[in-house]
Protein backbone atom coordinates (compact mmCIF):
# COMPACT_ATOMS: atom_id res chain seq x y z
CA MET A 1 -12.23 89.98 -107.43
CA SER A 2 -11.30 92.89 -105.17
CA ALA A 3 -9.24 92.31 -101.86
CA PHE A 4 -10.89 92.51 -98.45
CA ASN A 5 -10.23 95.84 -96.77
CA PRO A 6 -10.76 95.74 -93.06
CA ALA A 7 -10.91 99.43 -92.86
CA ALA A 8 -14.02 99.28 -94.91
CA TYR A 9 -15.59 97.10 -92.20
CA PRO A 10 -14.32 98.21 -88.73
CA ALA A 11 -16.85 96.18 -86.69
CA VAL A 12 -16.11 92.99 -88.33
CA TYR A 13 -12.37 93.67 -87.74
CA TRP A 14 -12.77 94.09 -84.09
CA VAL A 15 -14.92 90.97 -83.84
CA ILE A 16 -12.32 88.98 -85.44
CA ALA A 17 -9.45 90.50 -83.46
CA SER A 18 -11.39 89.98 -80.25
CA SER A 19 -12.05 86.34 -81.16
CA ILE A 20 -8.45 85.76 -82.05
CA ALA A 21 -7.36 87.34 -78.74
CA VAL A 22 -9.90 85.34 -76.77
CA LEU A 23 -8.74 82.18 -78.67
CA GLY A 24 -5.10 82.94 -77.86
CA VAL A 25 -5.88 83.41 -74.20
CA ALA A 26 -7.82 80.17 -74.21
CA CYS A 27 -5.07 78.37 -75.95
CA VAL A 28 -2.58 79.74 -73.36
CA ALA A 29 -4.89 78.62 -70.52
CA LEU A 30 -5.37 75.31 -72.13
CA ALA A 31 -1.59 74.91 -72.61
CA ARG A 32 -1.04 75.74 -68.91
CA ARG A 33 -3.85 73.29 -67.94
CA VAL A 34 -2.33 70.60 -70.14
CA ARG A 35 1.14 71.26 -68.54
CA HIS A 36 -0.42 70.86 -65.05
CA TRP A 37 -2.20 67.81 -66.01
CA ARG A 38 1.08 66.38 -67.41
CA ARG A 39 2.89 67.19 -64.16
CA THR A 40 0.02 65.72 -62.00
CA PHE A 41 -0.05 62.58 -64.23
CA ALA A 42 3.75 62.26 -64.09
CA SER A 43 3.66 62.63 -60.27
CA GLU A 44 0.90 60.14 -59.95
CA GLN A 45 2.46 57.79 -62.35
CA GLU A 46 5.75 58.04 -60.37
CA GLN A 47 3.88 57.46 -57.10
CA PHE A 48 1.99 54.53 -58.68
CA LEU A 49 5.28 52.96 -60.00
CA LEU A 50 6.78 53.47 -56.50
CA ASP A 51 3.68 51.84 -54.87
CA LEU A 52 3.78 49.17 -57.53
CA SER A 53 7.47 48.51 -56.75
CA THR A 54 6.79 48.34 -52.95
CA LEU A 55 3.87 46.06 -53.48
CA GLN A 56 6.01 43.87 -55.71
CA GLY A 57 8.66 43.68 -52.95
CA ARG A 58 6.06 42.78 -50.41
CA ILE A 59 4.70 40.06 -52.76
CA GLU A 60 8.20 38.74 -53.36
CA ALA A 61 8.84 38.59 -49.65
CA GLN A 62 5.58 36.93 -49.01
CA GLU A 63 6.48 34.42 -51.79
CA ARG A 64 9.89 33.80 -50.04
CA GLU A 65 8.11 33.41 -46.70
CA LEU A 66 5.65 31.08 -48.22
CA GLN A 67 8.43 29.05 -49.75
CA ARG A 68 10.08 28.81 -46.37
CA ALA A 69 6.76 27.78 -44.81
CA ASN A 70 6.30 25.19 -47.55
CA ALA A 71 9.74 23.91 -46.92
CA GLU A 72 9.18 23.71 -43.18
CA LEU A 73 5.80 21.95 -43.76
CA ALA A 74 7.46 19.52 -46.12
CA GLU A 75 10.13 18.86 -43.49
CA ARG A 76 7.53 18.41 -40.77
CA ALA A 77 5.65 16.16 -43.01
CA ARG A 78 8.86 14.13 -43.68
CA ARG A 79 9.53 13.90 -39.86
CA LEU A 80 5.83 12.99 -39.13
CA GLU A 81 6.09 10.30 -41.73
CA ALA A 82 9.30 9.04 -40.23
CA GLN A 83 7.78 9.15 -36.76
CA ALA A 84 4.69 7.45 -37.91
CA GLY A 85 7.04 4.71 -39.43
CA ALA A 86 9.05 4.39 -36.15
CA LEU A 87 5.71 4.29 -34.18
CA ALA A 88 4.41 1.49 -36.49
CA ASP A 89 7.67 -0.37 -35.96
CA ALA A 90 7.39 0.19 -32.24
CA GLU A 91 3.88 -1.05 -32.13
CA ARG A 92 4.87 -4.13 -34.06
CA THR A 93 7.76 -4.68 -31.64
CA ILE A 94 5.41 -4.14 -28.66
CA ARG A 95 2.97 -6.59 -30.13
CA THR A 96 5.70 -9.05 -30.61
CA ARG A 97 7.00 -8.56 -27.03
CA ASP A 98 3.50 -8.83 -25.73
CA THR A 99 3.17 -12.17 -27.53
CA GLU A 100 6.44 -13.27 -26.20
CA LEU A 101 5.59 -12.24 -22.66
CA LEU A 102 2.31 -13.99 -22.93
CA ARG A 103 4.03 -17.11 -24.04
CA ALA A 104 6.60 -16.69 -21.32
CA GLY A 105 3.97 -16.17 -18.74
CA GLN A 106 2.15 -19.25 -19.88
CA ALA A 107 5.41 -21.19 -19.77
CA LEU A 108 6.09 -19.77 -16.32
CA GLU A 109 2.63 -20.86 -15.13
CA ALA A 110 3.25 -24.23 -16.53
CA GLY A 111 6.68 -24.45 -14.95
CA ALA A 112 5.24 -23.25 -11.54
CA ALA A 113 2.49 -25.96 -11.86
CA GLN A 114 5.10 -28.54 -12.54
CA LEU A 115 7.40 -27.24 -9.78
CA ALA A 116 4.40 -27.31 -7.31
CA ASP A 117 3.65 -30.87 -8.48
CA VAL A 118 7.32 -31.82 -7.97
CA ASN A 119 7.35 -30.13 -4.58
CA GLU A 120 4.21 -32.13 -3.67
CA ARG A 121 5.80 -35.30 -4.62
CA HIS A 122 9.11 -34.66 -2.93
CA ALA A 123 7.21 -33.72 0.22
CA ASP A 124 5.18 -36.92 -0.06
CA LEU A 125 8.27 -38.88 -0.54
CA LEU A 126 10.24 -37.19 2.23
CA ALA A 127 7.33 -37.63 4.60
CA GLY A 128 7.15 -41.29 3.79
CA VAL A 129 10.97 -41.71 4.30
CA LEU A 130 10.79 -39.75 7.57
CA ASP A 131 7.85 -41.81 8.91
CA GLU A 132 9.95 -44.97 8.04
CA LEU A 133 12.91 -43.53 9.98
CA ARG A 134 10.87 -42.58 12.97
CA VAL A 135 9.90 -46.20 13.75
CA PRO A 136 13.42 -47.47 14.42
CA LEU A 137 14.41 -44.21 15.89
CA ASN A 138 11.67 -44.24 18.44
CA ARG A 139 12.58 -47.87 19.40
CA ALA A 140 16.19 -46.74 19.88
CA LEU A 141 15.02 -43.82 22.02
CA ILE A 142 12.84 -45.97 24.14
CA LEU A 143 15.66 -48.47 24.76
CA SER A 144 18.30 -45.79 25.39
CA LYS A 145 15.90 -44.11 27.90
CA LEU A 146 15.29 -47.43 29.77
CA LEU A 147 19.06 -47.95 29.92
CA ALA A 148 19.73 -44.32 31.00
CA ASP A 149 17.10 -44.73 33.86
CA ASN A 150 18.95 -47.94 34.92
CA GLY A 151 15.80 -49.24 36.67
CA SER A 152 17.31 -52.60 37.45
CA VAL A 153 20.50 -50.89 38.61
CA ASN A 154 22.69 -53.30 36.68
CA LEU A 155 24.66 -50.74 34.71
CA THR A 156 27.81 -48.92 35.67
CA PRO A 157 27.76 -45.08 35.91
CA GLU A 158 29.76 -45.00 32.70
CA GLN A 159 27.25 -47.08 30.87
CA VAL A 160 24.28 -44.95 32.23
CA LYS A 161 26.19 -41.92 30.87
CA PHE A 162 26.55 -43.57 27.50
CA ALA A 163 22.94 -44.47 27.40
CA GLY A 164 22.10 -40.86 28.20
CA SER A 165 24.25 -39.67 25.37
CA ILE A 166 22.60 -42.08 23.01
CA TYR A 167 19.13 -40.83 24.15
CA ALA A 168 20.12 -37.15 23.68
CA ALA A 169 21.62 -37.87 20.20
CA GLY A 170 18.44 -39.76 19.26
CA ASN A 171 16.25 -36.74 20.27
CA ASP A 172 18.46 -34.46 18.25
CA LEU A 173 18.14 -36.71 15.30
CA LEU A 174 14.33 -36.81 15.81
CA GLU A 175 14.26 -33.04 15.88
CA LEU A 176 16.36 -33.01 12.69
CA LEU A 177 13.79 -35.26 10.98
CA ASN A 178 10.88 -33.08 12.14
CA ASP A 179 12.76 -29.98 10.74
CA LEU A 180 13.23 -31.66 7.43
CA LEU A 181 9.65 -32.59 7.26
CA ASP A 182 8.63 -29.02 7.99
CA LEU A 183 10.85 -27.67 5.28
CA ALA A 184 9.35 -30.09 2.81
CA SER A 185 5.84 -29.02 3.94
CA ILE A 186 6.78 -25.39 3.45
CA ALA A 187 8.02 -26.12 -0.09
CA ALA A 188 4.73 -27.87 -0.80
CA HIS A 189 2.65 -25.07 0.82
CA ARG A 190 1.26 -27.54 3.44
CA ILE A 191 1.98 -25.43 6.49
CA ASP A 192 -1.05 -23.40 7.70
CA ILE A 193 -0.80 -20.32 9.83
CA ARG A 194 -3.55 -19.88 12.33
CA PRO A 195 -3.08 -16.73 14.47
CA GLU A 196 -4.39 -16.67 18.05
CA PRO A 197 -3.60 -14.62 21.11
CA LEU A 198 -0.36 -15.75 22.67
CA ALA A 199 0.72 -14.68 26.14
CA LEU A 200 4.19 -13.21 25.58
CA ARG A 201 5.76 -13.43 28.99
CA GLU A 202 4.55 -16.95 29.65
CA LEU A 203 5.87 -17.99 26.19
CA ILE A 204 9.42 -16.53 26.92
CA THR A 205 9.42 -17.97 30.49
CA ALA A 206 8.66 -21.51 29.16
CA LEU A 207 11.38 -21.12 26.46
CA ALA A 208 14.07 -20.08 28.95
CA GLN A 209 13.11 -22.94 31.19
CA ALA A 210 13.34 -25.40 28.31
CA PHE A 211 16.90 -24.40 27.34
CA ALA A 212 18.37 -23.83 30.77
CA PRO A 213 19.58 -27.41 31.20
CA GLU A 214 21.31 -27.34 27.79
CA ALA A 215 22.93 -24.09 28.44
CA GLU A 216 24.05 -25.16 31.89
CA GLU A 217 25.59 -28.45 30.36
CA LYS A 218 27.74 -26.24 28.13
CA ARG A 219 28.50 -23.95 31.06
CA LEU A 220 26.90 -20.98 29.35
CA GLY A 221 24.85 -18.22 30.77
CA LEU A 222 21.29 -17.72 29.56
CA GLU A 223 19.83 -14.34 30.03
CA VAL A 224 16.25 -13.05 29.28
CA HIS A 225 15.36 -9.27 29.02
CA LEU A 226 11.88 -8.28 28.46
CA ALA A 227 10.90 -4.58 27.80
CA ARG A 228 8.46 -3.10 30.21
CA ASP A 229 6.05 -1.76 27.57
CA LEU A 230 5.48 -5.27 26.03
CA PRO A 231 1.84 -6.00 25.22
CA ALA A 232 0.19 -8.91 27.05
CA THR A 233 -0.43 -10.85 24.01
CA LEU A 234 0.74 -11.32 20.33
CA GLU A 235 -1.53 -12.52 17.53
CA SER A 236 0.50 -15.34 16.00
CA ASP A 237 0.55 -19.09 15.43
CA ALA A 238 0.77 -20.99 18.63
CA GLN A 239 2.97 -23.73 17.13
CA ARG A 240 5.19 -21.88 14.63
CA LEU A 241 6.19 -18.73 16.55
CA PRO A 242 7.54 -20.82 19.55
CA GLN A 243 9.22 -23.06 16.99
CA VAL A 244 11.07 -20.11 15.46
CA LEU A 245 12.27 -18.92 18.86
CA ARG A 246 13.33 -22.44 19.85
CA ASN A 247 15.36 -22.83 16.74
CA LEU A 248 17.01 -19.47 17.23
CA VAL A 249 18.03 -20.19 20.88
CA ALA A 250 19.12 -23.65 19.94
CA THR A 251 21.22 -22.33 17.17
CA ALA A 252 22.79 -19.64 19.38
CA ILE A 253 23.62 -22.32 22.08
CA ARG A 254 25.16 -24.56 19.48
CA LEU A 255 27.33 -21.65 18.11
CA THR A 256 28.50 -20.47 21.55
CA ASP A 257 31.67 -21.95 23.03
CA ARG A 258 31.95 -19.57 25.96
CA GLY A 259 29.99 -16.63 27.34
CA THR A 260 26.35 -15.96 27.50
CA VAL A 261 23.29 -16.66 25.26
CA SER A 262 20.77 -13.75 25.61
CA LEU A 263 17.22 -13.17 24.47
CA GLU A 264 15.84 -9.64 24.41
CA VAL A 265 12.25 -8.89 23.63
CA ALA A 266 11.22 -5.35 22.73
CA ARG A 267 8.10 -3.63 21.35
CA ARG A 268 8.29 -2.10 17.86
CA GLU A 269 5.91 0.06 15.97
CA ALA A 270 4.23 -2.72 14.02
CA GLY A 271 5.12 -5.78 16.17
CA ILE A 272 7.55 -7.41 18.46
CA GLU A 273 11.37 -7.87 17.91
CA PHE A 274 13.08 -10.83 19.38
CA VAL A 275 16.96 -10.52 19.54
CA VAL A 276 18.83 -13.71 20.24
CA GLY A 277 22.58 -13.20 21.10
CA ALA A 278 25.20 -15.96 20.87
CA GLY A 279 28.45 -15.67 22.72
CA ALA A 280 31.95 -16.10 21.23
CA GLY A 281 32.35 -19.18 19.19
CA ARG A 282 31.97 -20.41 15.70
CA SER A 283 31.79 -17.82 12.95
CA GLN A 284 29.19 -19.51 10.68
CA ALA A 285 25.72 -18.83 11.85
CA ALA A 286 24.19 -21.50 9.64
CA GLY A 287 22.35 -24.77 10.02
CA LEU A 288 19.01 -26.42 9.31
CA ARG A 289 17.27 -24.96 12.34
CA LEU A 290 18.24 -21.44 11.26
CA THR A 291 17.06 -22.15 7.65
CA LEU A 292 13.76 -23.50 8.99
CA ALA A 293 13.39 -20.55 11.37
CA ARG A 294 13.83 -18.06 8.40
CA GLU A 295 11.19 -19.84 6.34
CA LEU A 296 8.74 -19.91 9.24
CA ALA A 297 9.31 -16.28 10.02
CA VAL A 298 8.32 -15.29 6.44
CA LEU A 299 5.14 -17.40 6.75
CA LEU A 300 4.36 -15.48 9.89
CA GLY A 301 4.77 -12.25 8.14
CA GLY A 302 8.09 -11.33 9.61
CA CYS A 303 11.83 -11.69 8.92
CA ILE A 304 15.13 -12.75 10.35
CA GLU A 305 18.31 -10.91 10.15
CA VAL A 306 21.70 -12.46 11.11
CA GLN A 307 24.91 -10.65 12.19
CA SER A 308 27.81 -12.86 12.68
CA ALA A 309 31.67 -12.42 12.71
CA PRO A 310 34.55 -14.73 13.78
CA ASP A 311 35.41 -14.91 17.48
CA ARG A 312 32.58 -12.31 18.16
CA ALA A 313 28.96 -12.48 19.29
CA SER A 314 26.37 -13.40 16.84
CA LEU A 315 22.95 -11.79 16.69
CA PHE A 316 19.61 -13.14 15.29
CA ARG A 317 16.94 -10.48 14.94
CA PHE A 318 13.54 -11.81 14.53
CA PHE A 319 10.65 -9.40 13.80
CA ALA A 320 7.13 -10.71 14.28
CA PRO A 321 4.17 -8.60 13.21
CA ALA A 322 1.62 -7.66 15.80
CA VAL A 323 -0.96 -9.82 13.87
CA ALA A 324 0.09 -12.54 11.59
CA LEU A 325 -1.92 -13.21 8.43
CA PRO A 326 -3.67 -16.47 8.20
CA SER A 327 -2.61 -18.94 5.46
CA GLU A 328 -5.61 -18.12 3.26
CA HIS A 329 -4.72 -14.47 3.26
CA ARG A 330 -1.14 -14.77 2.27
CA PRO A 331 -0.11 -14.09 -1.22
CA ALA A 332 0.93 -17.03 -3.37
CA GLN A 333 4.70 -17.58 -3.89
CA VAL A 334 5.25 -18.89 -7.33
CA GLY A 335 8.08 -21.48 -7.33
CA ALA A 336 8.61 -21.16 -3.63
């Protein structure tokens, strides 16, 4: 077999040569394109890996944040559980205390009822005893008054004086019994307050006239000062308000050894203030009359303040409201 001679076929040679050249150029272009693809892929792969690393970092940060949030939620849940337990304990304690308070209130009500019953019985007993004492005391007063009057003129001046002293002491004892009965009635809630218009100036004038002889007997001055702006009337109890003033003035006279007993009456925003001043004398401003005056003052809706010091004047401040509340409108005083 003879060898191929390109010179014998020049056209075929050029076709083959052109094809080889074109194929070489194509291969070079393809190689370049492949290298470009490789560089692009490597760059994209590097960017993808970088993005993937960044995303992984974010995911890890979110996981850590989620773990912290879960830990906080767990701690809050633990605290809420503890608070719920404490709240349950507090509710049980409150229920227990409510039960105890209810029982204590029931016991207090029962005790108040028993105390009221005891006060009622004591008041009845004391009233009975005082009534029994009044009978012989009244007889003694009548006899001593007859002797003091000396109608038959058969007694010496000294005997008349003694009879007068017995009569005065008997009257003091009778007032003492009446005060005791009033205190027992207050304790048993038996004293009623019935307000009505009282003429102030007439009331004070009558009070000063009643105590003038007693003050004169002790050689004490008795002064009355009335403010110009006093109202004409005061709504209060016609029996108990004068009784408070009488007890205060009587106490002041009893405590005063020298000087003057004064009564000042002034208008205040919500009522009237009575100030009874005792001169120098005893330091203790006490006694049954003052105790009764304080109790009655409270019933009238007012109060009494006492200022006292040794060898100095004593003051009794009695505030009476412009309108005293009737008994049915006063709040109940448990155990009073």
